[in-house]
């Protein structure tokens, strides 16, 4: 008996990283999954590997028409929509004084407006099946600031706030809405091309900054998403779930021996 037997999920950013891990785990737990991304080649390969319980669709999360088509695919292919995981996101680094308006808007469009459009598109289909769950992937940068990440931080704080508003509005129709706030997770997004981070040893950095002494793995976030998507979290809504290895617990002191 799987935790998602009989349930259908739509996961954005599912071609790789956290989204791929979520898709694989959801299928393993009995769910049907629509994988959505703009990386069509990679996404189609993952969906094919998952077999009849999955399918892939191109979805630019900033496009209203793409969202409508993705929700319709879930309904036509699998008969319903119970779970939405707003996982897609981008990251651009730079100090405020050096951040262009175009770069700022690009991050807001994907990370913030994409989540808004996704929730709005999914609501009518999910209302038909009370007991649904929306999982919005924010970040610890939706809880604290990060130098060099003004647009990313703004977008992830927004996701946190939108999650709470959606939980209040959608609770009466049987839809739960929660946000996940990962710390450093070993995915391609933390090494964006052209960024100073691309050449850094992220794992070494995490070993010094995280109480658990290591970077997170995508499947660790996927397991938390599974909890929130499933009936195991039936009384959880409007809340933040942090998975950061203790990074936001406080300031570590040097070894005082």
Protein backbone atom coordinates (compact mmCIF):
# COMPACT_ATOMS: atom_id res chain seq x y z
CA UNK A 1 0.00 0.00 0.00
CA UNK A 2 1.64 3.25 -1.14
CA UNK A 3 1.19 6.60 0.56
CA UNK A 4 -0.10 8.13 -2.70
CA UNK A 5 -2.26 5.30 -4.04
CA UNK A 6 -5.06 6.77 -6.15
CA UNK A 7 -3.58 10.27 -6.18
CA UNK A 8 -2.35 12.33 -9.12
CA UNK A 9 0.43 14.91 -8.82
CA UNK A 10 1.76 17.69 -11.03
CA UNK A 11 5.40 18.54 -10.29
CA UNK A 12 7.22 21.48 -11.88
CA UNK A 13 10.97 21.53 -12.44
CA UNK A 14 10.76 17.73 -12.57
CA UNK A 15 13.42 17.06 -15.20
CA UNK A 16 16.24 16.95 -12.68
CA UNK A 17 17.27 17.72 -9.11
CA UNK A 18 14.63 17.93 -6.40
CA UNK A 19 11.75 17.73 -8.86
CA UNK A 20 13.05 14.50 -10.38
CA UNK A 21 13.56 13.00 -6.92
CA UNK A 22 10.00 13.95 -5.96
CA UNK A 23 8.58 12.43 -9.14
CA UNK A 24 10.45 9.17 -8.65
CA UNK A 25 9.42 8.88 -4.99
CA UNK A 26 5.79 9.77 -5.70
CA UNK A 27 5.53 7.03 -8.35
CA UNK A 28 7.24 4.58 -5.99
CA UNK A 29 4.53 5.38 -3.43
CA UNK A 30 1.72 4.62 -5.87
CA UNK A 31 1.03 8.06 -7.32
CA UNK A 32 0.51 9.09 -10.92
CA UNK A 33 2.73 12.02 -11.87
CA UNK A 34 2.76 14.68 -14.56
CA UNK A 35 6.35 15.87 -14.81
CA UNK A 36 6.62 19.45 -16.05
CA UNK A 37 9.66 21.46 -17.05
CA UNK A 38 11.25 23.48 -19.84
CA UNK A 39 14.08 20.92 -20.16
CA UNK A 40 12.08 18.75 -22.53
CA UNK A 41 14.75 16.19 -23.40
CA UNK A 42 15.69 15.46 -19.81
CA UNK A 43 12.09 15.51 -18.60
CA UNK A 44 10.90 13.09 -21.26
CA UNK A 45 13.68 10.64 -20.36
CA UNK A 46 12.70 10.66 -16.67
CA UNK A 47 9.02 10.20 -17.49
CA UNK A 48 9.76 7.30 -19.82
CA UNK A 49 11.87 5.65 -17.14
CA UNK A 50 8.94 5.90 -14.71
CA UNK A 51 6.62 4.06 -17.08
CA UNK A 52 2.83 4.24 -17.35
CA UNK A 53 2.48 6.04 -14.01
CA UNK A 54 4.10 9.18 -15.41
CA UNK A 55 4.02 11.51 -18.38
CA UNK A 56 5.92 14.64 -19.34
CA UNK A 57 4.74 18.04 -20.55
CA UNK A 58 6.50 21.26 -21.45
CA UNK A 59 5.62 23.91 -18.88
CA UNK A 60 7.03 27.41 -18.66
CA UNK A 61 5.73 28.36 -15.23
CA UNK A 62 5.42 32.02 -16.28
CA UNK A 63 2.90 31.07 -19.01
CA UNK A 64 -0.80 31.01 -18.15
CA UNK A 65 -1.59 28.89 -21.21
CA UNK A 66 1.09 26.32 -20.32
CA UNK A 67 -0.42 25.98 -16.86
CA UNK A 68 -3.91 25.44 -18.22
CA UNK A 69 -2.58 22.77 -20.59
CA UNK A 70 -0.65 20.96 -17.83
CA UNK A 71 -3.67 20.76 -15.54
CA UNK A 72 -5.83 19.54 -18.41
CA UNK A 73 -3.24 16.86 -19.20
CA UNK A 74 -3.36 15.58 -15.62
CA UNK A 75 -7.14 15.31 -15.86
CA UNK A 76 -7.24 13.74 -19.32
CA UNK A 77 -4.36 11.31 -18.72
CA UNK A 78 -5.02 10.28 -15.14
CA UNK A 79 -8.56 11.51 -14.45
CA UNK A 80 -7.94 14.03 -11.68
CA UNK A 81 -5.45 16.27 -9.87
CA UNK A 82 -4.79 15.92 -6.15
CA UNK A 83 -1.30 17.31 -5.61
CA UNK A 84 0.64 20.27 -6.94
CA UNK A 85 4.34 20.66 -6.15
CA UNK A 86 5.59 24.09 -7.20
CA UNK A 87 9.24 23.11 -7.39
CA UNK A 88 10.58 25.05 -10.41
CA UNK A 89 12.96 27.89 -9.59
CA UNK A 90 15.96 29.86 -10.77
CA UNK A 91 18.78 31.63 -8.96
CA UNK A 92 20.81 34.65 -10.06
CA UNK A 93 23.58 36.04 -7.88
CA UNK A 94 24.81 39.61 -7.54
CA UNK A 95 24.87 42.48 -5.05
CA UNK A 96 21.90 44.84 -5.16
CA UNK A 97 23.97 47.62 -6.71
CA UNK A 98 24.96 45.32 -9.60
CA UNK A 99 21.64 43.54 -10.17
CA UNK A 100 19.87 44.54 -13.37
CA UNK A 101 16.13 45.05 -13.48
CA UNK A 102 15.88 42.31 -16.11
CA UNK A 103 17.65 39.79 -13.87
CA UNK A 104 15.52 40.77 -10.87
CA UNK A 105 12.31 40.41 -12.85
CA UNK A 106 13.39 37.07 -14.34
CA UNK A 107 13.75 35.53 -10.88
CA UNK A 108 10.46 37.01 -9.65
CA UNK A 109 8.64 35.78 -12.77
CA UNK A 110 9.71 32.16 -12.29
CA UNK A 111 9.94 31.79 -8.52
CA UNK A 112 7.03 33.98 -7.40
CA UNK A 113 4.62 34.51 -10.28
CA UNK A 114 5.10 30.89 -11.37
CA UNK A 115 3.84 29.72 -7.97
CA UNK A 116 0.88 32.10 -8.12
CA UNK A 117 -0.12 30.94 -11.59
CA UNK A 118 0.30 27.30 -10.61
CA UNK A 119 -1.93 27.53 -7.56
CA UNK A 120 -4.54 29.50 -9.47
CA UNK A 121 -4.60 27.01 -12.35
CA UNK A 122 -4.78 23.95 -10.11
CA UNK A 123 -7.50 25.08 -7.72
CA UNK A 124 -10.57 24.24 -9.87
CA UNK A 125 -9.34 20.70 -10.55
CA UNK A 126 -8.33 20.13 -6.93
CA UNK A 127 -11.61 21.41 -5.49
CA UNK A 128 -13.30 18.48 -7.23
CA UNK A 129 -11.27 16.08 -5.05
CA UNK A 130 -11.27 17.30 -1.42
CA UNK A 131 -8.17 16.27 0.49
CA UNK A 132 -5.73 17.78 -1.99
CA UNK A 133 -2.36 19.25 -1.16
CA UNK A 134 -0.27 22.08 -2.60
CA UNK A 135 3.42 22.02 -1.72
CA UNK A 136 5.34 25.19 -2.52
CA UNK A 137 9.12 24.94 -2.49
CA UNK A 138 10.54 28.06 -0.87
CA UNK A 139 13.99 28.13 0.77
CA UNK A 140 15.72 29.06 3.98
CA UNK A 141 16.18 32.29 2.03
CA UNK A 142 12.45 32.75 2.53
CA UNK A 143 13.18 32.88 6.27
CA UNK A 144 16.48 34.78 6.41
CA UNK A 145 18.44 37.06 4.12
CA UNK A 146 21.32 36.12 1.82
CA UNK A 147 23.93 38.56 0.55
CA UNK A 148 24.04 38.54 -3.24
CA UNK A 149 20.57 37.09 -3.63
CA UNK A 150 18.14 40.00 -3.42
CA UNK A 151 15.73 38.73 -6.09
CA UNK A 152 15.88 35.13 -4.92
CA UNK A 153 15.27 36.11 -1.30
CA UNK A 154 12.39 38.38 -2.27
CA UNK A 155 10.78 35.63 -4.33
CA UNK A 156 11.12 32.99 -1.62
CA UNK A 157 9.74 35.27 1.10
CA UNK A 158 6.81 35.86 -1.25
CA UNK A 159 6.24 32.12 -1.68
CA UNK A 160 6.09 31.77 2.09
CA UNK A 161 3.46 34.50 2.35
CA UNK A 162 1.41 33.27 -0.60
CA UNK A 163 1.37 29.81 0.97
CA UNK A 164 -0.23 31.14 4.14
CA UNK A 165 -2.83 33.14 2.22
CA UNK A 166 -3.69 30.14 0.06
CA UNK A 167 -4.00 27.90 3.13
CA UNK A 168 -6.55 30.29 4.65
CA UNK A 169 -8.55 30.58 1.44
CA UNK A 170 -8.46 26.91 0.44
CA UNK A 171 -8.83 25.18 3.79
CA UNK A 172 -12.65 25.41 3.66
CA UNK A 173 -12.68 23.52 0.34
CA UNK A 174 -10.42 20.76 1.61
CA UNK A 175 -7.07 21.79 0.13
CA UNK A 176 -3.98 22.04 2.32
CA UNK A 177 -1.09 24.36 1.39
CA UNK A 178 2.38 24.26 2.94
CA UNK A 179 5.88 25.46 2.10
CA UNK A 180 9.20 23.62 2.26
CA UNK A 181 12.34 25.59 3.08
CA UNK A 182 15.45 23.66 2.05
CA UNK A 183 18.94 24.75 2.91
CA UNK A 184 21.81 23.86 0.60
CA UNK A 185 20.82 20.89 -1.56
CA UNK A 186 23.13 19.25 -4.08
CA UNK A 187 21.34 20.15 -7.33
CA UNK A 188 22.43 21.94 -10.53
CA UNK A 189 20.66 25.14 -9.36
CA UNK A 190 23.27 25.87 -6.69
CA UNK A 191 26.00 25.98 -9.34
CA UNK A 192 24.51 28.32 -11.96
CA UNK A 193 26.62 28.94 -15.05
CA UNK A 194 28.57 32.17 -14.85
CA UNK A 195 28.16 32.40 -11.09
CA UNK A 196 31.11 32.49 -8.68
CA UNK A 197 29.54 29.44 -7.04
CA UNK A 198 30.04 27.36 -10.17
CA UNK A 199 33.71 26.84 -9.36
CA UNK A 200 33.41 26.53 -5.58
CA UNK A 201 33.40 23.33 -3.56
CA UNK A 202 29.85 23.66 -2.19
CA UNK A 203 30.13 20.49 -0.15
CA UNK A 204 33.19 21.86 1.66
CA UNK A 205 31.35 25.12 2.38
CA UNK A 206 28.34 23.25 3.78
CA UNK A 207 30.51 21.11 6.04
CA UNK A 208 31.57 24.29 7.84
CA UNK A 209 28.22 26.10 7.92
CA UNK A 210 25.76 23.29 8.65
CA UNK A 211 25.55 21.62 12.07
CA UNK A 212 25.00 18.23 10.42
CA UNK A 213 28.23 18.85 8.53
CA UNK A 214 27.09 18.19 4.97
CA UNK A 215 25.01 19.37 2.04
CA UNK A 216 21.49 18.02 1.61
CA UNK A 217 20.45 15.45 -1.00
CA UNK A 218 17.42 15.89 -3.31
CA UNK A 219 15.74 12.75 -1.97
CA UNK A 220 15.77 14.22 1.54
CA UNK A 221 13.60 17.08 0.31
CA UNK A 222 11.47 14.67 -1.72
CA UNK A 223 10.64 12.69 1.42
CA UNK A 224 9.39 15.85 3.10
CA UNK A 225 7.34 16.70 0.00
CA UNK A 226 5.87 13.19 0.13
CA UNK A 227 4.82 13.70 3.75
CA UNK A 228 3.07 16.95 2.88
CA UNK A 229 1.47 15.50 -0.26
CA UNK A 230 0.13 12.45 1.54
CA UNK A 231 -2.57 11.99 4.14
CA UNK A 232 0.16 11.60 6.77
CA UNK A 233 0.08 15.41 7.04
CA UNK A 234 -3.73 15.68 7.05
CA UNK A 235 -3.79 18.37 9.78
CA UNK A 236 -0.88 20.43 8.45
CA UNK A 237 -1.64 23.60 6.49
CA UNK A 238 -0.21 27.09 6.21
CA UNK A 239 3.08 26.04 7.75
CA UNK A 240 6.78 26.18 6.97
CA UNK A 241 8.75 22.95 6.99
CA UNK A 242 12.50 23.50 7.20
CA UNK A 243 15.05 20.96 5.94
CA UNK A 244 18.46 22.59 6.30
CA UNK A 245 20.64 20.36 8.45
CA UNK A 246 20.31 22.87 11.28
CA UNK A 247 21.70 25.79 9.26
CA UNK A 248 19.12 28.31 10.53
CA UNK A 249 19.24 27.10 14.14
CA UNK A 250 21.70 29.83 15.13
CA UNK A 251 25.30 30.94 15.02
CA UNK A 252 27.89 28.25 15.64
CA UNK A 253 30.68 29.04 18.08
CA UNK A 254 34.27 27.91 17.52
CA UNK A 255 35.35 24.77 19.32
CA UNK A 256 35.98 25.95 22.87
CA UNK A 257 37.54 22.61 23.80
